[in-house]
Amino acid sequence: KLINHYNDDAIHKRAIELFRGLRVNDRTKVYEDWKSVLT
């Protein structure tokens, strides 16, 4: 809702920036390394 349902462009842009990092984790590199098991 904060990202998509506000007419205020400043709130929209800031919400995107604040929540962008939620799926970024130090373990991303571990995941990329272990993707070889999929083969």
PDB file of all heavy atoms in Angstrom:
ATOM      1  N   LYS A   1       0.828  -1.207   0.000  1.00  0.00           N
ATOM      2  CA  LYS A   1       0.000   0.000   0.000  1.00  0.00           C
ATOM      3  C   LYS A   1       0.861   1.254   0.000  1.00  0.00           C
ATOM      4  O   LYS A   1       0.578   2.219  -0.728  1.00  0.00           O
ATOM      5  CB  LYS A   1      -0.933  -0.005   1.215  1.00  0.00           C
ATOM      6  CG  LYS A   1      -1.931   1.153   1.212  1.00  0.00           C
ATOM      7  CD  LYS A   1      -2.974   0.978   2.289  1.00  0.00           C
ATOM      8  CE  LYS A   1      -4.012   2.115   2.216  1.00  0.00           C
ATOM      9  NZ  LYS A   1      -5.075   1.954   3.222  1.00  0.00           N
ATOM     10  N   LEU A   2       1.914   1.250   0.792  1.00  0.00           N
ATOM     11  CA  LEU A   2       2.794   2.405   0.857  1.00  0.00           C
ATOM     12  C   LEU A   2       3.515   2.645  -0.466  1.00  0.00           C
ATOM     13  O   LEU A   2       3.768   3.788  -0.850  1.00  0.00           O
ATOM     14  CB  LEU A   2       3.812   2.223   1.988  1.00  0.00           C
ATOM     15  CG  LEU A   2       3.227   2.290   3.408  1.00  0.00           C
ATOM     16  CD1 LEU A   2       4.216   1.740   4.429  1.00  0.00           C
ATOM     17  CD2 LEU A   2       2.847   3.723   3.764  1.00  0.00           C
ATOM     18  N   ILE A   3       3.815   1.558  -1.165  1.00  0.00           N
ATOM     19  CA  ILE A   3       4.540   1.690  -2.434  1.00  0.00           C
ATOM     20  C   ILE A   3       3.603   2.055  -3.583  1.00  0.00           C
ATOM     21  O   ILE A   3       3.935   2.901  -4.420  1.00  0.00           O
ATOM     22  CB  ILE A   3       5.288   0.378  -2.767  1.00  0.00           C
ATOM     23  CG1 ILE A   3       6.443   0.163  -1.779  1.00  0.00           C
ATOM     24  CG2 ILE A   3       5.831   0.394  -4.196  1.00  0.00           C
ATOM     25  CD1 ILE A   3       7.107  -1.200  -1.901  1.00  0.00           C
ATOM     26  N   ASN A   4       2.423   1.441  -3.616  1.00  0.00           N
ATOM     27  CA  ASN A   4       1.603   1.505  -4.837  1.00  0.00           C
ATOM     28  C   ASN A   4       0.334   2.338  -4.751  1.00  0.00           C
ATOM     29  O   ASN A   4      -0.245   2.656  -5.794  1.00  0.00           O
ATOM     30  CB  ASN A   4       1.201   0.084  -5.254  1.00  0.00           C
ATOM     31  CG  ASN A   4       2.409  -0.772  -5.579  1.00  0.00           C
ATOM     32  OD1 ASN A   4       3.315  -0.328  -6.272  1.00  0.00           O
ATOM     33  ND2 ASN A   4       2.420  -1.995  -5.072  1.00  0.00           N
ATOM     34  N   HIS A   5      -0.120   2.699  -3.568  1.00  0.00           N
ATOM     35  CA  HIS A   5      -1.450   3.285  -3.466  1.00  0.00           C
ATOM     36  C   HIS A   5      -1.457   4.722  -2.977  1.00  0.00           C
ATOM     37  O   HIS A   5      -2.472   5.203  -2.487  1.00  0.00           O
ATOM     38  CB  HIS A   5      -2.331   2.407  -2.570  1.00  0.00           C
ATOM     39  CG  HIS A   5      -2.508   1.020  -3.099  1.00  0.00           C
ATOM     40  ND1 HIS A   5      -3.321   0.734  -4.161  1.00  0.00           N
ATOM     41  CD2 HIS A   5      -1.945  -0.159  -2.741  1.00  0.00           C
ATOM     42  CE1 HIS A   5      -3.264  -0.557  -4.436  1.00  0.00           C
ATOM     43  NE2 HIS A   5      -2.446  -1.121  -3.584  1.00  0.00           N
ATOM     44  N   TYR A   6      -0.346   5.404  -3.088  1.00  0.00           N
ATOM     45  CA  TYR A   6      -0.294   6.802  -2.687  1.00  0.00           C
ATOM     46  C   TYR A   6      -0.121   7.682  -3.916  1.00  0.00           C
ATOM     47  O   TYR A   6       0.699   7.406  -4.793  1.00  0.00           O
ATOM     48  CB  TYR A   6       0.877   7.053  -1.716  1.00  0.00           C
ATOM     49  CG  TYR A   6       0.438   7.090  -0.279  1.00  0.00           C
ATOM     50  CD1 TYR A   6       0.481   5.943   0.502  1.00  0.00           C
ATOM     51  CD2 TYR A   6      -0.040   8.255   0.293  1.00  0.00           C
ATOM     52  CE1 TYR A   6       0.059   5.964   1.827  1.00  0.00           C
ATOM     53  CE2 TYR A   6      -0.460   8.285   1.615  1.00  0.00           C
ATOM     54  CZ  TYR A   6      -0.404   7.148   2.372  1.00  0.00           C
ATOM     55  OH  TYR A   6      -0.830   7.178   3.677  1.00  0.00           O
ATOM     56  N   ASN A   7      -0.893   8.764  -3.963  1.00  0.00           N
ATOM     57  CA  ASN A   7      -0.747   9.711  -5.055  1.00  0.00           C
ATOM     58  C   ASN A   7       0.507  10.570  -4.890  1.00  0.00           C
ATOM     59  O   ASN A   7       0.999  11.154  -5.842  1.00  0.00           O
ATOM     60  CB  ASN A   7      -1.983  10.630  -5.144  1.00  0.00           C
ATOM     61  CG  ASN A   7      -3.228   9.852  -5.544  1.00  0.00           C
ATOM     62  OD1 ASN A   7      -3.138   8.912  -6.322  1.00  0.00           O
ATOM     63  ND2 ASN A   7      -4.378  10.251  -5.011  1.00  0.00           N
ATOM     64  N   ASP A   8       0.973  10.631  -3.637  1.00  0.00           N
ATOM     65  CA  ASP A   8       2.156  11.439  -3.338  1.00  0.00           C
ATOM     66  C   ASP A   8       3.395  10.746  -3.914  1.00  0.00           C
ATOM     67  O   ASP A   8       3.804   9.679  -3.457  1.00  0.00           O
ATOM     68  CB  ASP A   8       2.281  11.588  -1.814  1.00  0.00           C
ATOM     69  CG  ASP A   8       3.350  12.603  -1.424  1.00  0.00           C
ATOM     70  OD1 ASP A   8       4.424  12.604  -2.050  1.00  0.00           O
ATOM     71  OD2 ASP A   8       3.099  13.377  -0.486  1.00  0.00           O
ATOM     72  N   ASP A   9       4.006  11.374  -4.912  1.00  0.00           N
ATOM     73  CA  ASP A   9       5.144  10.757  -5.592  1.00  0.00           C
ATOM     74  C   ASP A   9       6.340  10.596  -4.660  1.00  0.00           C
ATOM     75  O   ASP A   9       7.088   9.625  -4.752  1.00  0.00           O
ATOM     76  CB  ASP A   9       5.533  11.609  -6.806  1.00  0.00           C
ATOM     77  CG  ASP A   9       6.503  10.879  -7.735  1.00  0.00           C
ATOM     78  OD1 ASP A   9       6.215   9.716  -8.081  1.00  0.00           O
ATOM     79  OD2 ASP A   9       7.547  11.465  -8.070  1.00  0.00           O
ATOM     80  N   ALA A  10       6.507  11.544  -3.738  1.00  0.00           N
ATOM     81  CA  ALA A  10       7.647  11.470  -2.811  1.00  0.00           C
ATOM     82  C   ALA A  10       7.524  10.258  -1.901  1.00  0.00           C
ATOM     83  O   ALA A  10       8.511   9.551  -1.635  1.00  0.00           O
ATOM     84  CB  ALA A  10       7.724  12.749  -1.985  1.00  0.00           C
ATOM     85  N   ILE A  11       6.298   9.973  -1.413  1.00  0.00           N
ATOM     86  CA  ILE A  11       6.075   8.800  -0.566  1.00  0.00           C
ATOM     87  C   ILE A  11       6.311   7.528  -1.369  1.00  0.00           C
ATOM     88  O   ILE A  11       6.949   6.580  -0.898  1.00  0.00           O
ATOM     89  CB  ILE A  11       4.650   8.824   0.019  1.00  0.00           C
ATOM     90  CG1 ILE A  11       4.555   9.905   1.095  1.00  0.00           C
ATOM     91  CG2 ILE A  11       4.280   7.463   0.610  1.00  0.00           C
ATOM     92  CD1 ILE A  11       3.187  10.048   1.711  1.00  0.00           C
ATOM     93  N   HIS A  12       5.815   7.500  -2.589  1.00  0.00           N
ATOM     94  CA  HIS A  12       6.000   6.330  -3.459  1.00  0.00           C
ATOM     95  C   HIS A  12       7.484   6.011  -3.642  1.00  0.00           C
ATOM     96  O   HIS A  12       7.916   4.863  -3.452  1.00  0.00           O
ATOM     97  CB  HIS A  12       5.336   6.610  -4.809  1.00  0.00           C
ATOM     98  CG  HIS A  12       5.609   5.567  -5.848  1.00  0.00           C
ATOM     99  ND1 HIS A  12       5.057   4.302  -5.798  1.00  0.00           N
ATOM    100  CD2 HIS A  12       6.398   5.598  -6.956  1.00  0.00           C
ATOM    101  CE1 HIS A  12       5.484   3.599  -6.838  1.00  0.00           C
ATOM    102  NE2 HIS A  12       6.292   4.353  -7.554  1.00  0.00           N
ATOM    103  N   LYS A  13       8.273   7.013  -3.995  1.00  0.00           N
ATOM    104  CA  LYS A  13       9.703   6.789  -4.257  1.00  0.00           C
ATOM    105  C   LYS A  13      10.440   6.386  -2.983  1.00  0.00           C
ATOM    106  O   LYS A  13      11.318   5.521  -3.002  1.00  0.00           O
ATOM    107  CB  LYS A  13      10.316   8.053  -4.854  1.00  0.00           C
ATOM    108  CG  LYS A  13       9.856   8.345  -6.278  1.00  0.00           C
ATOM    109  CD  LYS A  13      10.494   9.621  -6.814  1.00  0.00           C
ATOM    110  CE  LYS A  13      10.058   9.870  -8.251  1.00  0.00           C
ATOM    111  NZ  LYS A  13      10.610  11.144  -8.780  1.00  0.00           N
ATOM    112  N   ARG A  14      10.085   7.043  -1.878  1.00  0.00           N
ATOM    113  CA  ARG A  14      10.791   6.725  -0.638  1.00  0.00           C
ATOM    114  C   ARG A  14      10.448   5.320  -0.156  1.00  0.00           C
ATOM    115  O   ARG A  14      11.302   4.602   0.375  1.00  0.00           O
ATOM    116  CB  ARG A  14      10.433   7.753   0.435  1.00  0.00           C
ATOM    117  CG  ARG A  14      11.402   7.700   1.618  1.00  0.00           C
ATOM    118  CD  ARG A  14      11.180   8.819   2.585  1.00  0.00           C
ATOM    119  NE  ARG A  14      12.116   8.711   3.685  1.00  0.00           N
ATOM    120  CZ  ARG A  14      11.989   9.362   4.827  1.00  0.00           C
ATOM    121  NH1 ARG A  14      10.974  10.198   5.003  1.00  0.00           N
ATOM    122  NH2 ARG A  14      12.881   9.204   5.797  1.00  0.00           N
ATOM    123  N   ALA A  15       9.181   4.910  -0.325  1.00  0.00           N
ATOM    124  CA  ALA A  15       8.775   3.559   0.073  1.00  0.00           C
ATOM    125  C   ALA A  15       9.556   2.515  -0.716  1.00  0.00           C
ATOM    126  O   ALA A  15      10.020   1.511  -0.157  1.00  0.00           O
ATOM    127  CB  ALA A  15       7.277   3.382  -0.139  1.00  0.00           C
ATOM    128  N   ILE A  16       9.707   2.729  -2.009  1.00  0.00           N
ATOM    129  CA  ILE A  16      10.474   1.797  -2.836  1.00  0.00           C
ATOM    130  C   ILE A  16      11.894   1.670  -2.310  1.00  0.00           C
ATOM    131  O   ILE A  16      12.447   0.574  -2.183  1.00  0.00           O
ATOM    132  CB  ILE A  16      10.481   2.258  -4.312  1.00  0.00           C
ATOM    133  CG1 ILE A  16       9.091   2.101  -4.924  1.00  0.00           C
ATOM    134  CG2 ILE A  16      11.510   1.475  -5.122  1.00  0.00           C
ATOM    135  CD1 ILE A  16       8.967   2.647  -6.324  1.00  0.00           C
ATOM    136  N   GLU A  17      12.492   2.808  -1.965  1.00  0.00           N
ATOM    137  CA  GLU A  17      13.880   2.800  -1.498  1.00  0.00           C
ATOM    138  C   GLU A  17      14.006   2.112  -0.140  1.00  0.00           C
ATOM    139  O   GLU A  17      14.913   1.309   0.083  1.00  0.00           O
ATOM    140  CB  GLU A  17      14.391   4.239  -1.406  1.00  0.00           C
ATOM    141  CG  GLU A  17      15.868   4.361  -1.035  1.00  0.00           C
ATOM    142  CD  GLU A  17      16.787   3.664  -2.026  1.00  0.00           C
ATOM    143  OE1 GLU A  17      16.461   3.631  -3.230  1.00  0.00           O
ATOM    144  OE2 GLU A  17      17.842   3.145  -1.589  1.00  0.00           O
ATOM    145  N   LEU A  18      13.078   2.408   0.785  1.00  0.00           N
ATOM    146  CA  LEU A  18      13.171   1.853   2.133  1.00  0.00           C
ATOM    147  C   LEU A  18      12.959   0.341   2.154  1.00  0.00           C
ATOM    148  O   LEU A  18      13.580  -0.366   2.948  1.00  0.00           O
ATOM    149  CB  LEU A  18      12.138   2.520   3.046  1.00  0.00           C
ATOM    150  CG  LEU A  18      12.442   3.944   3.485  1.00  0.00           C
ATOM    151  CD1 LEU A  18      11.243   4.536   4.208  1.00  0.00           C
ATOM    152  CD2 LEU A  18      13.668   3.994   4.383  1.00  0.00           C
ATOM    153  N   PHE A  19      12.074  -0.154   1.285  1.00  0.00           N
ATOM    154  CA  PHE A  19      11.749  -1.578   1.312  1.00  0.00           C
ATOM    155  C   PHE A  19      12.538  -2.380   0.284  1.00  0.00           C
ATOM    156  O   PHE A  19      12.386  -3.595   0.200  1.00  0.00           O
ATOM    157  CB  PHE A  19      10.247  -1.779   1.098  1.00  0.00           C
ATOM    158  CG  PHE A  19       9.393  -1.126   2.153  1.00  0.00           C
ATOM    159  CD1 PHE A  19       8.333  -0.302   1.812  1.00  0.00           C
ATOM    160  CD2 PHE A  19       9.667  -1.317   3.499  1.00  0.00           C
ATOM    161  CE1 PHE A  19       7.551   0.310   2.785  1.00  0.00           C
ATOM    162  CE2 PHE A  19       8.899  -0.712   4.476  1.00  0.00           C
ATOM    163  CZ  PHE A  19       7.840   0.105   4.120  1.00  0.00           C
ATOM    164  N   ARG A  20      13.378  -1.692  -0.478  1.00  0.00           N
ATOM    165  CA  ARG A  20      14.163  -2.380  -1.504  1.00  0.00           C
ATOM    166  C   ARG A  20      15.069  -3.441  -0.899  1.00  0.00           C
ATOM    167  O   ARG A  20      15.258  -4.517  -1.450  1.00  0.00           O
ATOM    168  CB  ARG A  20      15.008  -1.371  -2.288  1.00  0.00           C
ATOM    169  CG  ARG A  20      15.728  -1.965  -3.487  1.00  0.00           C
ATOM    170  CD  ARG A  20      16.778  -0.998  -4.040  1.00  0.00           C
ATOM    171  NE  ARG A  20      16.223   0.306  -4.335  1.00  0.00           N
ATOM    172  CZ  ARG A  20      15.568   0.593  -5.448  1.00  0.00           C
ATOM    173  NH1 ARG A  20      15.386  -0.337  -6.370  1.00  0.00           N
ATOM    174  NH2 ARG A  20      15.078   1.796  -5.645  1.00  0.00           N
ATOM    175  N   GLY A  21      15.648  -3.158   0.239  1.00  0.00           N
ATOM    176  CA  GLY A  21      16.644  -4.054   0.816  1.00  0.00           C
ATOM    177  C   GLY A  21      16.089  -5.249   1.559  1.00  0.00           C
ATOM    178  O   GLY A  21      16.851  -6.047   2.105  1.00  0.00           O
ATOM    179  N   LEU A  22      14.778  -5.395   1.600  1.00  0.00           N
ATOM    180  CA  LEU A  22      14.203  -6.492   2.388  1.00  0.00           C
ATOM    181  C   LEU A  22      14.656  -7.855   1.901  1.00  0.00           C
ATOM    182  O   LEU A  22      14.784  -8.788   2.676  1.00  0.00           O
ATOM    183  CB  LEU A  22      12.677  -6.421   2.347  1.00  0.00           C
ATOM    184  CG  LEU A  22      12.045  -5.438   3.327  1.00  0.00           C
ATOM    185  CD1 LEU A  22      10.548  -5.438   3.165  1.00  0.00           C
ATOM    186  CD2 LEU A  22      12.423  -5.776   4.751  1.00  0.00           C
ATOM    187  N   ARG A  23      14.859  -7.998   0.617  1.00  0.00           N
ATOM    188  CA  ARG A  23      15.208  -9.296   0.065  1.00  0.00           C
ATOM    189  C   ARG A  23      16.696  -9.413  -0.235  1.00  0.00           C
ATOM    190  O   ARG A  23      17.134 -10.320  -0.900  1.00  0.00           O
ATOM    191  CB  ARG A  23      14.379  -9.562  -1.187  1.00  0.00           C
ATOM    192  CG  ARG A  23      12.894  -9.612  -0.873  1.00  0.00           C
ATOM    193  CD  ARG A  23      12.070 -10.027  -2.052  1.00  0.00           C
ATOM    194  NE  ARG A  23      10.679 -10.170  -1.688  1.00  0.00           N
ATOM    195  CZ  ARG A  23       9.738 -10.643  -2.485  1.00  0.00           C
ATOM    196  NH1 ARG A  23      10.039 -11.037  -3.706  1.00  0.00           N
ATOM    197  NH2 ARG A  23       8.494 -10.735  -2.086  1.00  0.00           N
ATOM    198  N   VAL A  24      17.446  -8.461   0.240  1.00  0.00           N
ATOM    199  CA  VAL A  24      18.895  -8.522   0.066  1.00  0.00           C
ATOM    200  C   VAL A  24      19.495  -9.041   1.354  1.00  0.00           C
ATOM    201  O   VAL A  24      19.244  -8.520   2.420  1.00  0.00           O
ATOM    202  CB  VAL A  24      19.469  -7.132  -0.270  1.00  0.00           C
ATOM    203  CG1 VAL A  24      20.975  -7.187  -0.383  1.00  0.00           C
ATOM    204  CG2 VAL A  24      18.850  -6.606  -1.555  1.00  0.00           C
ATOM    205  N   ASN A  25      20.291 -10.065   1.262  1.00  0.00           N
ATOM    206  CA  ASN A  25      20.805 -10.709   2.464  1.00  0.00           C
ATOM    207  C   ASN A  25      22.242 -11.150   2.197  1.00  0.00           C
ATOM    208  O   ASN A  25      22.599 -11.461   1.063  1.00  0.00           O
ATOM    209  CB  ASN A  25      19.926 -11.923   2.794  1.00  0.00           C
ATOM    210  CG  ASN A  25      20.223 -12.491   4.160  1.00  0.00           C
ATOM    211  OD1 ASN A  25      21.268 -13.084   4.360  1.00  0.00           O
ATOM    212  ND2 ASN A  25      19.303 -12.315   5.081  1.00  0.00           N
ATOM    213  N   ASP A  26      23.042 -11.132   3.232  1.00  0.00           N
ATOM    214  CA  ASP A  26      24.426 -11.565   3.062  1.00  0.00           C
ATOM    215  C   ASP A  26      24.513 -12.990   2.547  1.00  0.00           C
ATOM    216  O   ASP A  26      25.536 -13.413   2.008  1.00  0.00           O
ATOM    217  CB  ASP A  26      25.172 -11.470   4.406  1.00  0.00           C
ATOM    218  CG  ASP A  26      25.386 -10.033   4.839  1.00  0.00           C
ATOM    219  OD1 ASP A  26      25.334  -9.149   3.959  1.00  0.00           O
ATOM    220  OD2 ASP A  26      25.598  -9.797   6.037  1.00  0.00           O
ATOM    221  N   ARG A  27      23.436 -13.737   2.722  1.00  0.00           N
ATOM    222  CA  ARG A  27      23.472 -15.138   2.318  1.00  0.00           C
ATOM    223  C   ARG A  27      23.082 -15.345   0.861  1.00  0.00           C
ATOM    224  O   ARG A  27      23.016 -16.471   0.391  1.00  0.00           O
ATOM    225  CB  ARG A  27      22.560 -15.954   3.241  1.00  0.00           C
ATOM    226  CG  ARG A  27      23.102 -15.933   4.669  1.00  0.00           C
ATOM    227  CD  ARG A  27      22.555 -16.966   5.584  1.00  0.00           C
ATOM    228  NE  ARG A  27      22.245 -18.242   5.048  1.00  0.00           N
ATOM    229  CZ  ARG A  27      23.093 -19.279   4.963  1.00  0.00           C
ATOM    230  NH1 ARG A  27      24.360 -19.131   5.352  1.00  0.00           N
ATOM    231  NH2 ARG A  27      22.688 -20.435   4.494  1.00  0.00           N
ATOM    232  N   THR A  28      22.860 -14.236   0.170  1.00  0.00           N
ATOM    233  CA  THR A  28      22.529 -14.357  -1.253  1.00  0.00           C
ATOM    234  C   THR A  28      23.648 -15.061  -2.011  1.00  0.00           C
ATOM    235  O   THR A  28      23.401 -15.877  -2.909  1.00  0.00           O
ATOM    236  CB  THR A  28      22.260 -12.967  -1.849  1.00  0.00           C
ATOM    237  OG1 THR A  28      21.192 -12.345  -1.141  1.00  0.00           O
ATOM    238  CG2 THR A  28      21.885 -13.071  -3.318  1.00  0.00           C
ATOM    239  N   LYS A  29      24.889 -14.727  -1.655  1.00  0.00           N
ATOM    240  CA  LYS A  29      26.036 -15.361  -2.330  1.00  0.00           C
ATOM    241  C   LYS A  29      26.066 -16.868  -2.063  1.00  0.00           C
ATOM    242  O   LYS A  29      26.418 -17.659  -2.935  1.00  0.00           O
ATOM    243  CB  LYS A  29      27.336 -14.719  -1.867  1.00  0.00           C
ATOM    244  CG  LYS A  29      27.502 -13.268  -2.328  1.00  0.00           C
ATOM    245  CD  LYS A  29      28.812 -12.681  -1.844  1.00  0.00           C
ATOM    246  CE  LYS A  29      28.968 -11.235  -2.302  1.00  0.00           C
ATOM    247  NZ  LYS A  29      30.227 -10.630  -1.793  1.00  0.00           N
ATOM    248  N   VAL A  30      25.677 -17.258  -0.839  1.00  0.00           N
ATOM    249  CA  VAL A  30      25.634 -18.686  -0.514  1.00  0.00           C
ATOM    250  C   VAL A  30      24.581 -19.373  -1.390  1.00  0.00           C
ATOM    251  O   VAL A  30      24.816 -20.463  -1.935  1.00  0.00           O
ATOM    252  CB  VAL A  30      25.309 -18.898   0.984  1.00  0.00           C
ATOM    253  CG1 VAL A  30      25.214 -20.383   1.308  1.00  0.00           C
ATOM    254  CG2 VAL A  30      26.349 -18.223   1.859  1.00  0.00           C
ATOM    255  N   TYR A  31      23.448 -18.703  -1.534  1.00  0.00           N
ATOM    256  CA  TYR A  31      22.385 -19.249  -2.373  1.00  0.00           C
ATOM    257  C   TYR A  31      22.872 -19.420  -3.812  1.00  0.00           C
ATOM    258  O   TYR A  31      22.653 -20.471  -4.438  1.00  0.00           O
ATOM    259  CB  TYR A  31      21.164 -18.338  -2.328  1.00  0.00           C
ATOM    260  CG  TYR A  31      20.136 -18.627  -3.405  1.00  0.00           C
ATOM    261  CD1 TYR A  31      19.440 -19.829  -3.429  1.00  0.00           C
ATOM    262  CD2 TYR A  31      19.872 -17.688  -4.407  1.00  0.00           C
ATOM    263  CE1 TYR A  31      18.511 -20.097  -4.417  1.00  0.00           C
ATOM    264  CE2 TYR A  31      18.947 -17.951  -5.396  1.00  0.00           C
ATOM    265  CZ  TYR A  31      18.274 -19.151  -5.402  1.00  0.00           C
ATOM    266  OH  TYR A  31      17.357 -19.416  -6.388  1.00  0.00           O
ATOM    267  N   GLU A  32      23.540 -18.407  -4.331  1.00  0.00           N
ATOM    268  CA  GLU A  32      24.033 -18.482  -5.706  1.00  0.00           C
ATOM    269  C   GLU A  32      25.017 -19.643  -5.849  1.00  0.00           C
ATOM    270  O   GLU A  32      25.021 -20.354  -6.861  1.00  0.00           O
ATOM    271  CB  GLU A  32      24.696 -17.161  -6.100  1.00  0.00           C
ATOM    272  CG  GLU A  32      23.736 -15.988  -6.224  1.00  0.00           C
ATOM    273  CD  GLU A  32      22.729 -16.187  -7.347  1.00  0.00           C
ATOM    274  OE1 GLU A  32      23.061 -16.875  -8.333  1.00  0.00           O
ATOM    275  OE2 GLU A  32      21.601 -15.666  -7.230  1.00  0.00           O
ATOM    276  N   ASP A  33      25.840 -19.849  -4.813  1.00  0.00           N
ATOM    277  CA  ASP A  33      26.829 -20.935  -4.857  1.00  0.00           C
ATOM    278  C   ASP A  33      26.148 -22.301  -4.847  1.00  0.00           C
ATOM    279  O   ASP A  33      26.570 -23.232  -5.546  1.00  0.00           O
ATOM    280  CB  ASP A  33      27.773 -20.788  -3.655  1.00  0.00           C
ATOM    281  CG  ASP A  33      28.817 -21.888  -3.608  1.00  0.00           C
ATOM    282  OD1 ASP A  33      29.409 -22.191  -4.663  1.00  0.00           O
ATOM    283  OD2 ASP A  33      29.017 -22.462  -2.521  1.00  0.00           O
ATOM    284  N   TRP A  34      25.077 -22.415  -4.058  1.00  0.00           N
ATOM    285  CA  TRP A  34      24.410 -23.708  -3.909  1.00  0.00           C
ATOM    286  C   TRP A  34      23.415 -23.995  -5.034  1.00  0.00           C
ATOM    287  O   TRP A  34      22.853 -25.089  -5.088  1.00  0.00           O
ATOM    288  CB  TRP A  34      23.707 -23.784  -2.548  1.00  0.00           C
ATOM    289  CG  TRP A  34      24.650 -24.243  -1.461  1.00  0.00           C
ATOM    290  CD1 TRP A  34      25.660 -23.539  -0.904  1.00  0.00           C
ATOM    291  CD2 TRP A  34      24.664 -25.529  -0.840  1.00  0.00           C
ATOM    292  NE1 TRP A  34      26.315 -24.276   0.035  1.00  0.00           N
ATOM    293  CE2 TRP A  34      25.716 -25.519   0.103  1.00  0.00           C
ATOM    294  CE3 TRP A  34      23.899 -26.685  -0.954  1.00  0.00           C
ATOM    295  CZ2 TRP A  34      26.030 -26.619   0.895  1.00  0.00           C
ATOM    296  CZ3 TRP A  34      24.204 -27.781  -0.163  1.00  0.00           C
ATOM    297  CH2 TRP A  34      25.262 -27.745   0.751  1.00  0.00           C
ATOM    298  N   LYS A  35      23.189 -23.081  -5.922  1.00  0.00           N
ATOM    299  CA  LYS A  35      22.261 -23.321  -7.031  1.00  0.00           C
ATOM    300  C   LYS A  35      22.732 -24.456  -7.933  1.00  0.00           C
ATOM    301  O   LYS A  35      21.945 -25.017  -8.701  1.00  0.00           O
ATOM    302  CB  LYS A  35      22.068 -22.038  -7.853  1.00  0.00           C
ATOM    303  CG  LYS A  35      21.128 -21.055  -7.173  1.00  0.00           C
ATOM    304  CD  LYS A  35      21.068 -19.718  -7.885  1.00  0.00           C
ATOM    305  CE  LYS A  35      20.282 -19.809  -9.174  1.00  0.00           C
ATOM    306  NZ  LYS A  35      20.097 -18.457  -9.784  1.00  0.00           N
ATOM    307  N   SER A  36      24.022 -24.823  -7.792  1.00  0.00           N
ATOM    308  CA  SER A  36      24.528 -25.929  -8.599  1.00  0.00           C
ATOM    309  C   SER A  36      23.823 -27.245  -8.271  1.00  0.00           C
ATOM    310  O   SER A  36      23.782 -28.164  -9.107  1.00  0.00           O
ATOM    311  CB  SER A  36      26.046 -26.091  -8.383  1.00  0.00           C
ATOM    312  OG  SER A  36      26.320 -26.401  -7.017  1.00  0.00           O
ATOM    313  N   VAL A  37      23.235 -27.368  -7.052  1.00  0.00           N
ATOM    314  CA  VAL A  37      22.554 -28.616  -6.687  1.00  0.00           C
ATOM    315  C   VAL A  37      21.307 -28.839  -7.547  1.00  0.00           C
ATOM    316  O   VAL A  37      20.804 -29.968  -7.634  1.00  0.00           O
ATOM    317  CB  VAL A  37      22.171 -28.655  -5.186  1.00  0.00           C
ATOM    318  CG1 VAL A  37      23.378 -28.413  -4.300  1.00  0.00           C
ATOM    319  CG2 VAL A  37      21.070 -27.655  -4.863  1.00  0.00           C
ATOM    320  N   LEU A  38      20.823 -27.778  -8.190  1.00  0.00           N
ATOM    321  CA  LEU A  38      19.618 -27.899  -9.012  1.00  0.00           C
ATOM    322  C   LEU A  38      19.866 -28.743 -10.252  1.00  0.00           C
ATOM    323  O   LEU A  38      18.930 -29.227 -10.888  1.00  0.00           O
ATOM    324  CB  LEU A  38      19.107 -26.506  -9.413  1.00  0.00           C
ATOM    325  CG  LEU A  38      18.723 -25.576  -8.248  1.00  0.00           C
ATOM    326  CD1 LEU A  38      18.361 -24.192  -8.773  1.00  0.00           C
ATOM    327  CD2 LEU A  38      17.556 -26.162  -7.454  1.00  0.00           C
ATOM    328  N   THR A  39      21.139 -28.943 -10.582  1.00  0.00           N
ATOM    329  CA  THR A  39      21.478 -29.763 -11.755  1.00  0.00           C
ATOM    330  C   THR A  39      21.657 -31.231 -11.389  1.00  0.00           C
ATOM    331  O   THR A  39      21.789 -32.081 -12.274  1.00  0.00           O
ATOM    332  CB  THR A  39      22.771 -29.241 -12.404  1.00  0.00           C
ATOM    333  OG1 THR A  39      23.865 -29.384 -11.480  1.00  0.00           O
ATOM    334  CG2 THR A  39      22.631 -27.773 -12.796  1.00  0.00           C
TER     335      THR A  39
END
